N, C-alpha and C. Protein backbone atom coordinates (compact mmCIF):
# COMPACT_ATOMS: atom_id res chain seq x y z
N UNK A 1 0.83 -1.20 0.00
CA UNK A 1 0.00 0.00 0.00
C UNK A 1 0.86 1.25 0.00
N UNK A 2 0.40 2.28 -0.67
CA UNK A 2 1.14 3.52 -0.74
C UNK A 2 1.03 4.29 0.56
N UNK A 3 2.07 5.09 0.84
CA UNK A 3 2.00 6.01 1.97
C UNK A 3 1.02 7.12 1.60
N UNK A 4 0.37 7.71 2.58
CA UNK A 4 -0.62 8.77 2.31
C UNK A 4 -0.01 9.90 1.48
N UNK A 5 1.22 10.30 1.81
CA UNK A 5 1.85 11.41 1.08
C UNK A 5 2.19 11.05 -0.35
N UNK A 6 2.23 9.77 -0.68
CA UNK A 6 2.60 9.34 -2.03
C UNK A 6 1.41 9.19 -2.98
N UNK A 7 0.20 9.40 -2.50
CA UNK A 7 -0.98 9.25 -3.36
C UNK A 7 -1.00 10.42 -4.34
N UNK A 8 -0.91 10.15 -5.63
CA UNK A 8 -0.89 11.25 -6.61
C UNK A 8 -2.28 11.84 -6.82
N UNK A 9 -2.33 12.97 -7.49
CA UNK A 9 -3.61 13.56 -7.85
C UNK A 9 -4.23 12.72 -8.96
N UNK A 10 -5.53 12.50 -8.92
CA UNK A 10 -6.19 11.82 -10.03
C UNK A 10 -6.32 12.79 -11.19
N UNK A 11 -6.63 12.29 -12.36
CA UNK A 11 -6.84 13.17 -13.51
C UNK A 11 -8.22 12.89 -14.09
N UNK A 12 -8.83 13.95 -14.60
CA UNK A 12 -10.14 13.82 -15.24
C UNK A 12 -10.08 14.43 -16.64
N UNK A 13 -11.03 14.00 -17.48
CA UNK A 13 -11.18 14.62 -18.80
C UNK A 13 -11.60 16.07 -18.56
N UNK A 14 -11.23 16.97 -19.46
CA UNK A 14 -11.61 18.36 -19.30
C UNK A 14 -13.14 18.44 -19.28
N UNK A 15 -13.69 18.98 -18.18
CA UNK A 15 -15.15 19.04 -18.06
C UNK A 15 -15.75 20.17 -18.89
N UNK A 16 -16.99 19.98 -19.31
CA UNK A 16 -17.70 20.97 -20.11
C UNK A 16 -18.87 21.54 -19.33
N UNK A 17 -19.16 22.80 -19.58
CA UNK A 17 -20.28 23.48 -18.92
C UNK A 17 -21.56 22.69 -19.13
N UNK A 18 -22.35 22.59 -18.07
CA UNK A 18 -23.63 21.89 -18.13
C UNK A 18 -23.56 20.43 -17.76
N UNK A 19 -22.37 19.84 -17.77
CA UNK A 19 -22.25 18.43 -17.41
C UNK A 19 -22.53 18.24 -15.92
N UNK A 20 -23.07 17.09 -15.57
CA UNK A 20 -23.35 16.77 -14.17
C UNK A 20 -22.53 15.57 -13.72
N UNK A 21 -21.38 15.38 -14.35
CA UNK A 21 -20.47 14.28 -14.04
C UNK A 21 -19.08 14.66 -14.51
N UNK A 22 -18.08 13.95 -13.98
CA UNK A 22 -16.72 14.05 -14.52
C UNK A 22 -16.27 12.64 -14.86
N UNK A 23 -15.38 12.55 -15.85
CA UNK A 23 -14.84 11.26 -16.27
C UNK A 23 -13.40 11.16 -15.80
N UNK A 24 -13.12 10.17 -14.98
CA UNK A 24 -11.79 9.96 -14.42
C UNK A 24 -10.93 9.24 -15.46
N UNK A 25 -9.76 9.80 -15.77
CA UNK A 25 -8.86 9.19 -16.74
C UNK A 25 -7.65 8.52 -16.10
N UNK A 26 -7.29 8.96 -14.88
CA UNK A 26 -6.18 8.35 -14.14
C UNK A 26 -6.48 8.41 -12.65
N UNK A 27 -6.36 7.27 -11.99
CA UNK A 27 -6.56 7.20 -10.53
C UNK A 27 -5.95 5.91 -10.01
N UNK A 28 -5.69 5.88 -8.73
CA UNK A 28 -5.22 4.66 -8.09
C UNK A 28 -6.41 3.68 -8.06
N UNK A 29 -6.21 2.43 -8.48
CA UNK A 29 -7.32 1.46 -8.45
C UNK A 29 -7.96 1.37 -7.07
N UNK A 30 -9.28 1.47 -7.02
CA UNK A 30 -10.02 1.37 -5.77
C UNK A 30 -10.13 2.67 -4.99
N UNK A 31 -9.56 3.75 -5.50
CA UNK A 31 -9.59 5.03 -4.77
C UNK A 31 -10.97 5.67 -4.84
N UNK A 32 -11.27 6.46 -3.81
CA UNK A 32 -12.45 7.33 -3.81
C UNK A 32 -12.03 8.66 -4.39
N UNK A 33 -12.83 9.20 -5.30
CA UNK A 33 -12.51 10.47 -5.96
C UNK A 33 -13.44 11.54 -5.41
N UNK A 34 -12.86 12.68 -5.02
CA UNK A 34 -13.64 13.81 -4.54
C UNK A 34 -13.44 14.98 -5.50
N UNK A 35 -14.55 15.64 -5.83
CA UNK A 35 -14.52 16.79 -6.74
C UNK A 35 -15.03 18.00 -5.98
N UNK A 36 -14.25 19.10 -6.00
CA UNK A 36 -14.60 20.31 -5.27
C UNK A 36 -14.63 21.52 -6.20
N UNK A 37 -15.51 22.48 -5.89
CA UNK A 37 -15.50 23.78 -6.55
C UNK A 37 -14.33 24.57 -5.96
N UNK A 38 -13.98 25.68 -6.60
CA UNK A 38 -12.84 26.48 -6.12
C UNK A 38 -13.07 27.05 -4.72
N UNK A 39 -14.33 27.18 -4.30
CA UNK A 39 -14.60 27.69 -2.95
C UNK A 39 -14.58 26.59 -1.89
N UNK A 40 -14.26 25.34 -2.30
CA UNK A 40 -14.16 24.24 -1.35
C UNK A 40 -15.42 23.41 -1.20
N UNK A 41 -16.50 23.81 -1.86
CA UNK A 41 -17.75 23.05 -1.79
C UNK A 41 -17.60 21.73 -2.53
N UNK A 42 -17.97 20.64 -1.87
CA UNK A 42 -17.89 19.33 -2.52
C UNK A 42 -18.99 19.20 -3.57
N UNK A 43 -18.59 18.84 -4.80
CA UNK A 43 -19.55 18.66 -5.88
C UNK A 43 -19.83 17.19 -6.16
N UNK A 44 -18.88 16.33 -5.82
CA UNK A 44 -19.07 14.91 -6.07
C UNK A 44 -18.09 14.08 -5.27
N UNK A 45 -18.48 12.82 -5.01
CA UNK A 45 -17.65 11.90 -4.24
C UNK A 45 -18.07 10.49 -4.65
N UNK A 46 -17.11 9.72 -5.16
CA UNK A 46 -17.44 8.37 -5.58
C UNK A 46 -16.22 7.62 -6.05
N UNK A 47 -16.45 6.49 -6.67
CA UNK A 47 -15.35 5.71 -7.21
C UNK A 47 -15.73 5.24 -8.61
N UNK A 48 -14.73 4.78 -9.33
CA UNK A 48 -14.97 4.34 -10.69
C UNK A 48 -14.57 5.40 -11.70
N UNK A 49 -14.99 5.20 -12.94
CA UNK A 49 -14.58 6.10 -14.02
C UNK A 49 -15.47 7.32 -14.18
N UNK A 50 -16.70 7.26 -13.65
CA UNK A 50 -17.62 8.38 -13.77
C UNK A 50 -18.08 8.79 -12.37
N UNK A 51 -17.86 10.07 -12.04
CA UNK A 51 -18.27 10.59 -10.73
C UNK A 51 -19.43 11.55 -10.96
N UNK A 52 -20.58 11.25 -10.35
CA UNK A 52 -21.76 12.09 -10.48
C UNK A 52 -21.63 13.32 -9.59
N UNK A 53 -22.00 14.46 -10.12
CA UNK A 53 -21.93 15.72 -9.38
C UNK A 53 -23.32 16.13 -8.90
N UNK A 54 -23.36 17.03 -7.91
CA UNK A 54 -24.65 17.44 -7.34
C UNK A 54 -25.26 18.65 -8.03
N UNK A 55 -24.59 19.15 -9.07
CA UNK A 55 -25.14 20.27 -9.86
C UNK A 55 -24.41 20.34 -11.20
N UNK A 56 -25.02 21.02 -12.18
CA UNK A 56 -24.34 21.21 -13.46
C UNK A 56 -23.12 22.12 -13.31
N UNK A 57 -22.10 21.87 -14.10
CA UNK A 57 -20.89 22.69 -14.06
C UNK A 57 -21.10 24.00 -14.81
N UNK A 58 -20.34 25.02 -14.38
CA UNK A 58 -20.45 26.37 -14.95
C UNK A 58 -19.16 26.69 -15.69
N UNK A 59 -19.29 27.22 -16.91
CA UNK A 59 -18.13 27.58 -17.71
C UNK A 59 -17.23 28.54 -16.94
N UNK A 60 -15.93 28.26 -16.96
CA UNK A 60 -14.95 29.13 -16.31
C UNK A 60 -14.65 28.78 -14.86
N UNK A 61 -15.48 27.97 -14.22
CA UNK A 61 -15.18 27.65 -12.83
C UNK A 61 -14.04 26.64 -12.76
N UNK A 62 -13.28 26.73 -11.67
CA UNK A 62 -12.16 25.82 -11.48
C UNK A 62 -12.56 24.69 -10.55
N UNK A 63 -12.21 23.47 -10.95
CA UNK A 63 -12.46 22.30 -10.12
C UNK A 63 -11.15 21.82 -9.52
N UNK A 64 -11.25 21.22 -8.34
CA UNK A 64 -10.10 20.59 -7.69
C UNK A 64 -10.51 19.15 -7.42
N UNK A 65 -9.70 18.20 -7.89
CA UNK A 65 -10.05 16.78 -7.79
C UNK A 65 -8.96 16.07 -6.98
N UNK A 66 -9.39 15.35 -5.93
CA UNK A 66 -8.46 14.60 -5.09
C UNK A 66 -8.90 13.15 -5.02
N UNK A 67 -8.03 12.31 -4.47
CA UNK A 67 -8.41 10.92 -4.26
C UNK A 67 -7.93 10.45 -2.90
N UNK A 68 -8.63 9.45 -2.38
CA UNK A 68 -8.25 8.88 -1.09
C UNK A 68 -8.37 7.36 -1.18
N UNK A 69 -7.56 6.70 -0.37
CA UNK A 69 -7.58 5.24 -0.28
C UNK A 69 -7.75 4.90 1.20
N UNK A 70 -8.85 4.25 1.52
CA UNK A 70 -9.20 3.96 2.91
C UNK A 70 -9.18 5.27 3.71
N UNK A 71 -8.37 5.36 4.75
CA UNK A 71 -8.31 6.58 5.57
C UNK A 71 -7.25 7.56 5.09
N UNK A 72 -6.51 7.20 4.05
CA UNK A 72 -5.46 8.08 3.53
C UNK A 72 -6.01 9.00 2.46
N UNK A 73 -5.99 10.30 2.73
CA UNK A 73 -6.43 11.29 1.75
C UNK A 73 -5.19 11.86 1.08
N UNK A 74 -5.16 11.79 -0.25
CA UNK A 74 -4.02 12.33 -0.98
C UNK A 74 -3.89 13.83 -0.76
N UNK A 75 -2.68 14.31 -0.69
CA UNK A 75 -2.48 15.76 -0.46
C UNK A 75 -2.37 16.55 -1.75
N UNK A 76 -2.36 15.85 -2.90
CA UNK A 76 -2.25 16.52 -4.19
C UNK A 76 -3.63 16.61 -4.86
N UNK A 77 -3.86 17.73 -5.55
CA UNK A 77 -5.12 17.93 -6.25
C UNK A 77 -4.85 18.24 -7.71
N UNK A 78 -5.75 17.76 -8.57
CA UNK A 78 -5.71 18.08 -9.99
C UNK A 78 -6.66 19.25 -10.17
N UNK A 79 -6.15 20.35 -10.74
CA UNK A 79 -6.98 21.53 -10.95
C UNK A 79 -7.25 21.67 -12.44
N UNK A 80 -8.50 21.95 -12.76
CA UNK A 80 -8.90 22.08 -14.16
C UNK A 80 -10.05 23.09 -14.25
N UNK A 81 -10.08 23.82 -15.35
CA UNK A 81 -11.13 24.80 -15.57
C UNK A 81 -12.20 24.22 -16.49
N UNK A 82 -13.46 24.44 -16.12
CA UNK A 82 -14.59 23.97 -16.92
C UNK A 82 -14.65 24.81 -18.20
N UNK A 83 -14.75 24.12 -19.32
CA UNK A 83 -14.80 24.81 -20.61
C UNK A 83 -16.24 24.99 -21.08
N UNK A 84 -16.41 26.05 -21.84
CA UNK A 84 -17.71 26.34 -22.45
C UNK A 84 -17.80 25.57 -23.76
N UNK A 85 -18.98 25.10 -24.06
CA UNK A 85 -19.20 24.43 -25.34
C UNK A 85 -19.48 25.50 -26.37
N UNK A 86 -18.60 25.61 -27.36
CA UNK A 86 -18.79 26.61 -28.40
C UNK A 86 -19.46 25.96 -29.60
N UNK A 87 -20.58 26.52 -29.97
CA UNK A 87 -21.30 25.98 -31.12
C UNK A 87 -20.98 26.85 -32.33
N UNK A 88 -20.66 26.20 -33.41
CA UNK A 88 -20.33 26.92 -34.63
C UNK A 88 -21.61 27.41 -35.29
N UNK A 89 -21.61 28.69 -35.66
CA UNK A 89 -22.78 29.23 -36.33
C UNK A 89 -22.80 28.79 -37.77
N UNK A 90 -23.96 28.41 -38.23
CA UNK A 90 -24.09 28.02 -39.63
C UNK A 90 -24.16 29.27 -40.49
N UNK A 91 -23.42 29.24 -41.57
CA UNK A 91 -23.43 30.36 -42.49
C UNK A 91 -24.70 30.32 -43.34
N UNK A 92 -25.27 31.48 -43.50
CA UNK A 92 -26.47 31.54 -44.33
C UNK A 92 -26.08 31.44 -45.80
N UNK A 93 -26.85 30.69 -46.55
CA UNK A 93 -26.62 30.54 -47.98
C UNK A 93 -27.22 31.75 -48.68
N UNK A 94 -26.48 32.31 -49.63
CA UNK A 94 -26.99 33.46 -50.40
C UNK A 94 -27.49 33.02 -51.73
């Protein structure tokens, strides 16, 4: 088992505005993943590849993602900014 200080930050796919989940791309097998807003409010807590959040994400907000194994909480966090979905405007035909 890893020492608590050795638990790395998990990684997630870049989240998009409006999503109510994050997709975990790297984590210690069996770890619990915690997702927090920049103000420290917990948005999600779970395990596996998809972590359900308690509200839709907002474009521009920063998320902090940590992981824990049993009673060991990793001290490193993955920080990522929620991106806005840009829709391409269709050009009008003349």
